[in-house]
Amino acid sequence: MSEDLGTPVLDNHMHLDPDHGRGIEAVKDFARSGGTHLLVVNKPSWLLGVEPETGEEFRPVFETTIDVVERASEELPGRAWPVLGVHPGLVSKLVDDRGYTAAEARDLMQAGLDLAAEYVADGKAVALKTGRPHYDTTDAVWEASNEVLRHGLALGAQRDCAVQLHTEASEDLTDIAGWAEEAGLDPARVVKHYAGGKLAGPTPSVMSEKDRLEIAVERGDPFLMETDFVDDPDRPGAVMGPKTVPRRVRWMQEQGYDEGVRNAHVETPKRVYDLNTEETFDR
């Protein structure tokens, strides 16, 4: 019996691996706990056994994600949507392990984003994913990574879609918000994945820890909630398990944070992605 929390419940950033991980079983856990909607981000290409040399060779990564999203939607009282892109950590795999120059890695990653943007244009994905390393790199890799990130923002503007970011931990990403504006993309449609409760610039997708959520709710700014569940059999439950967001929503309701719940699960998804979680919610 699935728990009904009386509201749409969206996990803004989850990975699903139907071949190596729990896949649809994780979705069932989410739904039984009261979850209704998912944004499913493709796993890093190398974790799906894909070592692309051209942009076109990212296609199996994206197709795997689209397929599992369709199956996930069948298990949800709402639905799931794909977010497609290139993980910024790929730059290090290319430069350190495969002998690419930073510029060559940039070009390949931008080509992968170009392909992801075609899926958005075709209505098969709702947002793009890009970013920059969250760890120390050489100046050349950092510069190349920022060029990839800016390319992703430009594609978001061209395709009129949101862009999820994987970046370093920070409470101030106004530099990226400025780049989005320069590209013609509303910074509100740029989402910082794995965020704390406070962020200047993009919209934070808050990791669903109680202390972070309290900060986000009390600030009252638009925010989303996520687990970053990685669906890796070698790391069960990492980063957070699929039941976490529904359980945190229940806790928020018990704390009287009903406005915060509506902010994160109805208003902000509409503002950022133009997704109506109420109209797609079948109780």
Protein backbone atom coordinates (compact mmCIF):
# COMPACT_ATOMS: atom_id res chain seq x y z
CA MET A 1 0.00 0.00 0.00
CA SER A 2 1.49 3.33 -1.05
CA GLU A 3 1.45 6.23 1.36
CA ASP A 4 -0.55 9.26 0.18
CA LEU A 5 1.00 12.51 1.38
CA GLY A 6 -1.76 14.55 -0.24
CA THR A 7 0.63 16.44 -2.47
CA PRO A 8 2.88 15.92 -5.46
CA VAL A 9 6.32 14.76 -4.27
CA LEU A 10 9.17 15.32 -6.72
CA ASP A 11 12.73 14.05 -6.43
CA ASN A 12 14.59 16.49 -8.65
CA HIS A 13 17.76 14.46 -9.20
CA MET A 14 17.84 10.67 -9.20
CA HIS A 15 19.81 8.16 -11.29
CA LEU A 16 18.36 4.83 -12.40
CA ASP A 17 20.41 1.98 -13.80
CA PRO A 18 18.14 -0.81 -15.11
CA ASP A 19 21.05 -3.10 -16.00
CA HIS A 20 23.47 -2.81 -13.09
CA GLY A 21 21.45 -1.24 -10.27
CA ARG A 22 18.00 -1.49 -8.69
CA GLY A 23 16.30 0.36 -11.52
CA ILE A 24 12.52 0.12 -11.31
CA GLU A 25 12.65 -1.45 -7.83
CA ALA A 26 14.03 1.88 -6.55
CA VAL A 27 11.10 3.66 -8.23
CA LYS A 28 8.66 1.32 -6.50
CA ASP A 29 10.27 2.15 -3.13
CA PHE A 30 9.91 5.85 -3.92
CA ALA A 31 6.25 5.47 -4.89
CA ARG A 32 5.34 3.28 -1.90
CA SER A 33 6.77 5.96 0.39
CA GLY A 34 4.57 8.65 -1.15
CA GLY A 35 6.73 9.82 -4.05
CA THR A 36 4.87 10.85 -7.19
CA HIS A 37 7.27 12.47 -9.68
CA LEU A 38 10.91 12.03 -10.68
CA LEU A 39 13.50 13.86 -12.71
CA VAL A 40 15.88 11.12 -13.80
CA VAL A 41 19.37 12.21 -14.79
CA ASN A 42 21.48 9.94 -16.98
CA LYS A 43 24.32 8.27 -15.13
CA PRO A 44 27.86 9.28 -16.11
CA SER A 45 28.67 7.66 -19.42
CA TRP A 46 31.59 5.59 -18.11
CA LEU A 47 29.38 4.01 -15.42
CA LEU A 48 27.17 2.65 -18.19
CA GLY A 49 30.18 1.22 -20.01
CA VAL A 50 30.19 3.90 -22.72
CA GLU A 51 33.52 5.50 -23.72
CA PRO A 52 32.47 7.98 -26.43
CA GLU A 53 34.79 9.41 -29.05
CA THR A 54 32.12 11.48 -30.78
CA GLY A 55 29.00 13.29 -29.65
CA GLU A 56 26.83 10.71 -31.39
CA GLU A 57 28.34 7.97 -29.23
CA PHE A 58 26.58 9.40 -26.16
CA ARG A 59 23.30 8.21 -27.65
CA PRO A 60 23.19 4.82 -25.82
CA VAL A 61 23.53 6.69 -22.50
CA PHE A 62 20.55 8.88 -23.33
CA GLU A 63 18.45 6.07 -24.79
CA THR A 64 18.98 3.95 -21.66
CA THR A 65 17.72 6.85 -19.54
CA ILE A 66 14.69 7.54 -21.71
CA ASP A 67 13.72 3.87 -21.63
CA VAL A 68 13.92 3.58 -17.85
CA VAL A 69 11.99 6.85 -17.46
CA GLU A 70 9.13 5.44 -19.52
CA ARG A 71 9.06 2.35 -17.30
CA ALA A 72 9.30 4.47 -14.15
CA SER A 73 6.27 6.53 -15.16
CA GLU A 74 4.19 3.34 -15.19
CA GLU A 75 4.95 2.87 -11.48
CA LEU A 76 4.18 6.42 -10.34
CA PRO A 77 0.94 8.22 -9.52
CA GLY A 78 2.58 11.13 -11.33
CA ARG A 79 5.31 10.60 -13.89
CA ALA A 80 9.05 10.79 -14.55
CA TRP A 81 10.99 12.98 -16.96
CA PRO A 82 14.54 12.64 -18.35
CA VAL A 83 17.35 15.14 -17.82
CA LEU A 84 20.18 14.48 -20.28
CA GLY A 85 23.72 15.71 -20.53
CA VAL A 86 27.41 15.11 -19.93
CA HIS A 87 28.81 14.68 -16.43
CA PRO A 88 31.58 17.25 -15.83
CA GLY A 89 33.80 14.56 -14.31
CA LEU A 90 34.23 13.13 -17.80
CA VAL A 91 36.86 15.78 -18.47
CA SER A 92 39.23 14.06 -16.05
CA LYS A 93 38.54 10.62 -17.50
CA LEU A 94 39.39 11.97 -20.95
CA VAL A 95 42.47 13.96 -19.96
CA ASP A 96 43.95 11.72 -17.27
CA ASP A 97 42.98 8.26 -18.55
CA ARG A 98 42.56 8.62 -22.30
CA GLY A 99 45.21 11.18 -23.21
CA TYR A 100 42.94 13.94 -24.49
CA THR A 101 44.02 17.55 -24.30
CA ALA A 102 41.70 19.82 -22.32
CA ALA A 103 40.54 21.40 -25.58
CA GLU A 104 39.80 18.00 -27.15
CA ALA A 105 37.85 16.97 -24.06
CA ARG A 106 35.90 20.23 -24.22
CA ASP A 107 34.96 19.65 -27.84
CA LEU A 108 33.77 16.09 -27.21
CA MET A 109 31.73 17.08 -24.17
CA GLN A 110 30.14 19.99 -26.02
CA ALA A 111 29.24 17.61 -28.84
CA GLY A 112 27.57 15.32 -26.30
CA LEU A 113 25.55 18.26 -25.02
CA ASP A 114 24.56 19.10 -28.59
CA LEU A 115 23.07 15.62 -28.90
CA ALA A 116 21.28 15.95 -25.57
CA ALA A 117 19.79 19.24 -26.76
CA GLU A 118 18.36 17.43 -29.80
CA TYR A 119 16.41 15.20 -27.42
CA VAL A 120 15.04 18.30 -25.71
CA ALA A 121 14.06 19.78 -29.08
CA ASP A 122 12.24 16.54 -29.92
CA GLY A 123 10.32 16.62 -26.63
CA LYS A 124 12.09 13.53 -25.29
CA ALA A 125 13.85 15.32 -22.41
CA VAL A 126 12.91 18.32 -20.28
CA ALA A 127 16.32 19.68 -19.29
CA LEU A 128 20.06 19.49 -19.84
CA LYS A 129 22.82 18.61 -17.41
CA THR A 130 26.31 20.10 -17.41
CA GLY A 131 28.69 21.71 -14.91
CA ARG A 132 32.30 21.82 -13.87
CA PRO A 133 34.48 19.69 -11.58
CA HIS A 134 33.87 19.90 -7.85
CA TYR A 135 37.54 19.04 -7.21
CA ASP A 136 40.87 20.72 -7.91
CA THR A 137 42.01 20.65 -11.54
CA THR A 138 44.62 22.27 -13.73
CA ASP A 139 43.91 25.73 -15.07
CA ALA A 140 43.50 24.30 -18.56
CA VAL A 141 40.90 21.75 -17.44
CA TRP A 142 39.05 24.36 -15.36
CA GLU A 143 38.91 26.75 -18.31
CA ALA A 144 37.75 24.00 -20.67
CA SER A 145 35.12 22.89 -18.17
CA ASN A 146 33.73 26.39 -17.87
CA GLU A 147 33.51 26.56 -21.66
CA VAL A 148 31.49 23.32 -21.60
CA LEU A 149 29.25 24.75 -18.90
CA ARG A 150 28.67 27.97 -20.85
CA HIS A 151 27.88 25.93 -23.95
CA GLY A 152 25.24 24.07 -21.95
CA LEU A 153 23.70 27.36 -20.83
CA ALA A 154 23.60 28.58 -24.44
CA LEU A 155 21.88 25.37 -25.50
CA GLY A 156 19.36 25.83 -22.70
CA ALA A 157 18.58 29.28 -24.03
CA GLN A 158 18.29 27.97 -27.60
CA ARG A 159 16.01 25.07 -26.59
CA ASP A 160 14.11 27.07 -23.95
CA CYS A 161 14.82 24.52 -21.24
CA ALA A 162 16.28 24.33 -17.77
CA VAL A 163 19.89 23.35 -17.13
CA GLN A 164 20.96 21.29 -14.12
CA LEU A 165 24.47 21.92 -12.84
CA HIS A 166 26.98 19.69 -11.10
CA THR A 167 29.55 22.07 -9.58
CA GLU A 168 31.72 22.69 -6.57
CA ALA A 169 29.98 23.25 -3.24
CA SER A 170 29.12 26.93 -2.94
CA GLU A 171 26.54 29.36 -1.59
CA ASP A 172 27.35 31.87 -4.33
CA LEU A 173 27.18 30.97 -8.01
CA THR A 174 26.27 34.41 -9.26
CA ASP A 175 29.07 34.08 -11.83
CA ILE A 176 27.15 31.25 -13.51
CA ALA A 177 23.87 33.13 -13.18
CA GLY A 178 25.55 36.00 -15.04
CA TRP A 179 26.69 33.66 -17.80
CA ALA A 180 23.13 32.38 -18.12
CA GLU A 181 21.82 35.91 -18.52
CA GLU A 182 24.46 36.65 -21.14
CA ALA A 183 23.31 33.53 -23.03
CA GLY A 184 19.66 34.55 -22.80
CA LEU A 185 18.65 31.97 -20.19
CA ASP A 186 16.74 33.00 -17.07
CA PRO A 187 19.04 32.18 -14.10
CA ALA A 188 15.97 30.83 -12.28
CA ARG A 189 16.00 28.00 -14.83
CA VAL A 190 19.57 27.08 -13.88
CA VAL A 191 19.52 24.49 -11.09
CA LYS A 192 22.39 23.77 -8.72
CA HIS A 193 22.25 20.04 -8.02
CA TYR A 194 23.44 18.90 -4.56
CA ALA A 195 22.82 22.33 -3.03
CA GLY A 196 22.58 23.54 0.53
CA GLY A 197 19.60 25.51 1.75
CA LYS A 198 21.08 28.87 0.79
CA LEU A 199 22.32 29.85 -2.67
CA ALA A 200 22.85 33.08 -4.57
CA GLY A 201 22.34 32.83 -8.33
CA PRO A 202 20.74 29.61 -9.61
CA THR A 203 17.80 27.74 -8.09
CA PRO A 204 19.02 25.30 -5.43
CA SER A 205 18.14 21.62 -5.61
CA VAL A 206 18.54 20.94 -1.92
CA MET A 207 19.95 17.67 -0.66
CA SER A 208 17.19 16.31 1.55
CA GLU A 209 18.81 16.64 4.95
CA LYS A 210 16.66 18.25 7.62
CA ASP A 211 19.06 21.08 8.43
CA ARG A 212 19.43 22.07 4.78
CA LEU A 213 15.66 21.92 4.25
CA GLU A 214 14.97 24.06 7.31
CA ILE A 215 17.22 26.77 5.92
CA ALA A 216 15.57 26.60 2.49
CA VAL A 217 12.05 26.70 3.91
CA GLU A 218 12.76 29.59 6.24
CA ARG A 219 14.37 31.63 3.48
CA GLY A 220 11.24 31.21 1.36
CA ASP A 221 13.07 31.37 -1.97
CA PRO A 222 12.29 28.87 -4.74
CA PHE A 223 13.95 25.50 -4.17
CA LEU A 224 13.71 21.85 -5.17
CA MET A 225 14.46 18.64 -3.25
CA GLU A 226 16.64 15.71 -4.28
CA THR A 227 18.47 12.59 -3.17
CA ASP A 228 21.09 12.13 -5.90
CA PHE A 229 20.39 8.40 -5.54
CA VAL A 230 23.12 6.87 -7.70
CA ASP A 231 21.69 3.34 -8.13
CA ASP A 232 25.06 1.64 -7.78
CA PRO A 233 25.00 -1.95 -6.43
CA ASP A 234 28.45 -1.39 -4.91
CA ARG A 235 27.11 1.62 -2.98
CA PRO A 236 23.57 0.67 -1.88
CA GLY A 237 21.55 3.68 -0.78
CA ALA A 238 24.15 6.20 -1.96
CA VAL A 239 23.96 9.16 -1.95
CA MET A 240 20.53 9.10 -0.34
CA GLY A 241 18.02 6.30 -0.72
CA PRO A 242 14.94 6.62 -2.96
CA LYS A 243 12.55 6.81 0.02
CA THR A 244 14.22 9.94 1.41
CA VAL A 245 12.32 12.76 -0.32
CA PRO A 246 8.85 11.39 0.53
CA ARG A 247 9.94 10.84 4.12
CA ARG A 248 11.28 14.38 4.34
CA VAL A 249 8.02 15.72 2.92
CA ARG A 250 6.14 13.89 5.67
CA TRP A 251 8.51 15.44 8.22
CA MET A 252 8.02 18.90 6.70
CA GLN A 253 4.25 18.49 6.95
CA GLU A 254 4.61 17.48 10.61
CA GLN A 255 6.69 20.63 11.21
CA GLY A 256 4.01 22.82 9.65
CA TYR A 257 6.08 23.57 6.56
CA ASP A 258 3.19 23.17 4.13
CA GLU A 259 4.17 26.29 2.18
CA GLY A 260 7.68 24.90 1.82
CA VAL A 261 6.32 21.64 0.47
CA ARG A 262 4.24 23.48 -2.11
CA ASN A 263 7.22 25.66 -3.01
CA ALA A 264 9.48 22.67 -3.69
CA HIS A 265 7.02 20.30 -5.32
CA VAL A 266 4.51 22.47 -7.17
CA GLU A 267 5.62 26.08 -7.62
CA THR A 268 9.33 25.68 -8.32
CA PRO A 269 9.00 22.77 -10.78
CA LYS A 270 6.54 24.92 -12.72
CA ARG A 271 8.82 27.94 -12.62
CA VAL A 272 12.00 26.09 -13.54
CA TYR A 273 10.88 23.31 -15.89
CA ASP A 274 7.35 24.39 -16.83
CA LEU A 275 6.16 21.10 -15.36
CA ASN A 276 2.74 20.93 -13.72
CA THR A 277 3.04 18.32 -11.00
CA GLU A 278 -0.59 18.79 -9.93
CA GLU A 279 -2.11 18.17 -13.36
CA THR A 280 0.08 15.08 -13.82
CA PHE A 281 -0.80 13.70 -10.37
CA ASP A 282 -3.36 10.88 -10.43
CA ARG A 283 -4.29 9.82 -6.91
